[in-house]
Amino acid sequence: MADPRSILIVEDEPLIAMMLEDFIETLGHRVCATCDSVGEALEWVGKGGFDLAILDVHLKGDNVWPVAAALTRDKIPFVVATGGHVDPPPAEFAEVTVIEKPYTIERVTSVIDAALASA
């Protein structure tokens, strides 16, 4: 396992967020916070203090791209999570690591490692 990291979860489905938190902690990482809206996620990006973010594409009807832009600006790696068919991401995020739901610990492990390696 890589060094333990602090991870921000941006997910609006509580059960999915809890499962992801459990996987992250099982892997030896720490969950910095869990946000369920674009506004709350942007506040956490402004605070900083985490190494990686996992972003659900849709949050309460809003796209997560403003959060992705803020993370890119601050040079914080992130993973985009999707639960099914979504429109292609904006061009600037076309190369971002993607994880599909439902999560498995193996998928979470590989995307965390890939995102941190490309940072």
Protein backbone atom coordinates (compact mmCIF):
# COMPACT_ATOMS: atom_id res chain seq x y z
CA MET A 1 0.00 0.00 0.00
CA ALA A 2 1.06 3.57 -0.66
CA ASP A 3 1.57 5.99 2.18
CA PRO A 4 -1.67 6.82 3.98
CA ARG A 5 -3.43 9.78 2.37
CA SER A 6 -6.21 12.15 3.30
CA ILE A 7 -9.14 11.88 0.89
CA LEU A 8 -12.14 14.15 0.29
CA ILE A 9 -15.33 12.33 -0.73
CA VAL A 10 -17.88 14.25 -2.79
CA GLU A 11 -21.00 12.06 -2.95
CA ASP A 12 -24.68 12.87 -2.39
CA GLU A 13 -25.92 9.32 -1.69
CA PRO A 14 -25.32 8.62 2.03
CA LEU A 15 -25.08 4.83 1.74
CA ILE A 16 -22.61 5.03 -1.13
CA ALA A 17 -20.57 7.62 0.77
CA MET A 18 -20.46 5.42 3.87
CA MET A 19 -19.33 2.40 1.85
CA LEU A 20 -16.61 4.47 0.19
CA GLU A 21 -15.50 5.82 3.58
CA ASP A 22 -15.24 2.26 4.86
CA PHE A 23 -13.15 1.15 1.87
CA ILE A 24 -10.82 4.14 2.21
CA GLU A 25 -10.27 3.54 5.91
CA THR A 26 -9.79 -0.21 5.33
CA LEU A 27 -7.03 0.69 2.89
CA GLY A 28 -5.29 2.71 5.62
CA HIS A 29 -6.21 6.16 4.35
CA ARG A 30 -8.15 8.87 6.16
CA VAL A 31 -11.37 10.54 5.04
CA CYS A 32 -10.88 14.30 5.39
CA ALA A 33 -14.61 15.02 4.88
CA THR A 34 -17.66 13.91 2.96
CA CYS A 35 -19.54 16.57 0.99
CA ASP A 36 -22.93 16.15 -0.65
CA SER A 37 -23.13 19.34 -2.72
CA VAL A 38 -21.02 21.40 -5.10
CA GLY A 39 -21.03 24.36 -2.69
CA GLU A 40 -19.84 22.31 0.27
CA ALA A 41 -17.15 20.64 -1.86
CA LEU A 42 -15.89 24.01 -3.07
CA GLU A 43 -15.60 25.15 0.56
CA TRP A 44 -13.43 22.12 1.34
CA VAL A 45 -11.29 22.68 -1.74
CA GLY A 46 -10.73 26.22 -0.49
CA LYS A 47 -9.63 24.89 2.91
CA GLY A 48 -7.29 22.30 1.40
CA GLY A 49 -5.53 19.84 3.65
CA PHE A 50 -6.23 16.68 1.65
CA ASP A 51 -4.28 14.71 -0.94
CA LEU A 52 -6.99 13.41 -3.26
CA ALA A 53 -10.71 13.83 -3.95
CA ILE A 54 -13.26 11.33 -5.26
CA LEU A 55 -16.05 13.21 -7.06
CA ASP A 56 -19.47 11.87 -7.99
CA VAL A 57 -20.37 13.38 -11.38
CA HIS A 58 -23.89 14.44 -10.33
CA LEU A 59 -24.67 16.01 -6.96
CA LYS A 60 -28.29 16.81 -6.24
CA GLY A 61 -28.86 17.64 -9.90
CA ASP A 62 -25.66 19.67 -10.33
CA ASN A 63 -22.57 18.63 -12.28
CA VAL A 64 -19.37 18.43 -10.27
CA TRP A 65 -17.21 20.18 -12.89
CA PRO A 66 -16.77 23.44 -10.91
CA VAL A 67 -15.20 21.33 -8.14
CA ALA A 68 -12.98 19.55 -10.66
CA ALA A 69 -11.86 22.93 -12.02
CA ALA A 70 -11.00 24.18 -8.52
CA LEU A 71 -9.04 20.99 -7.78
CA THR A 72 -7.17 21.33 -11.07
CA ARG A 73 -6.35 24.95 -10.28
CA ASP A 74 -5.00 23.91 -6.87
CA LYS A 75 -3.13 20.92 -8.36
CA ILE A 76 -4.99 18.39 -6.20
CA PRO A 77 -5.55 15.04 -7.94
CA PHE A 78 -9.06 13.67 -8.19
CA VAL A 79 -11.07 10.74 -9.47
CA VAL A 80 -14.48 11.04 -11.12
CA ALA A 81 -17.14 8.53 -10.05
CA THR A 82 -20.13 7.60 -12.15
CA GLY A 83 -23.05 5.28 -11.64
CA GLY A 84 -24.00 4.82 -15.25
CA HIS A 85 -24.36 6.68 -18.49
CA VAL A 86 -23.23 10.27 -18.24
CA ASP A 87 -22.40 12.87 -20.83
CA PRO A 88 -18.72 12.98 -21.68
CA PRO A 89 -16.75 15.22 -19.33
CA PRO A 90 -15.60 18.63 -20.48
CA ALA A 91 -12.46 18.37 -22.62
CA GLU A 92 -10.15 19.54 -19.83
CA PHE A 93 -11.17 16.51 -17.73
CA ALA A 94 -11.17 13.88 -20.48
CA GLU A 95 -8.01 12.22 -19.11
CA VAL A 96 -9.11 12.09 -15.46
CA THR A 97 -9.25 8.68 -13.80
CA VAL A 98 -12.83 7.34 -13.64
CA ILE A 99 -14.33 4.80 -11.26
CA GLU A 100 -17.67 3.20 -12.00
CA LYS A 101 -20.19 2.29 -9.37
CA PRO A 102 -20.88 0.01 -7.68
CA TYR A 103 -17.57 0.35 -5.87
CA THR A 104 -15.41 -2.58 -4.94
CA ILE A 105 -12.36 -2.32 -2.74
CA GLU A 106 -10.22 -3.44 -5.67
CA ARG A 107 -11.52 -0.63 -7.90
CA VAL A 108 -11.08 1.93 -5.13
CA THR A 109 -7.51 0.74 -4.53
CA SER A 110 -6.57 0.95 -8.20
CA VAL A 111 -8.07 4.42 -8.82
CA ILE A 112 -6.48 5.89 -5.70
CA ASP A 113 -3.10 4.50 -6.76
CA ALA A 114 -3.55 5.70 -10.37
CA ALA A 115 -4.65 9.20 -9.39
CA LEU A 116 -1.80 9.66 -6.92
CA ALA A 117 0.75 8.26 -9.38
CA SER A 118 -0.30 10.75 -12.05
CA ALA A 119 -0.18 13.72 -9.64
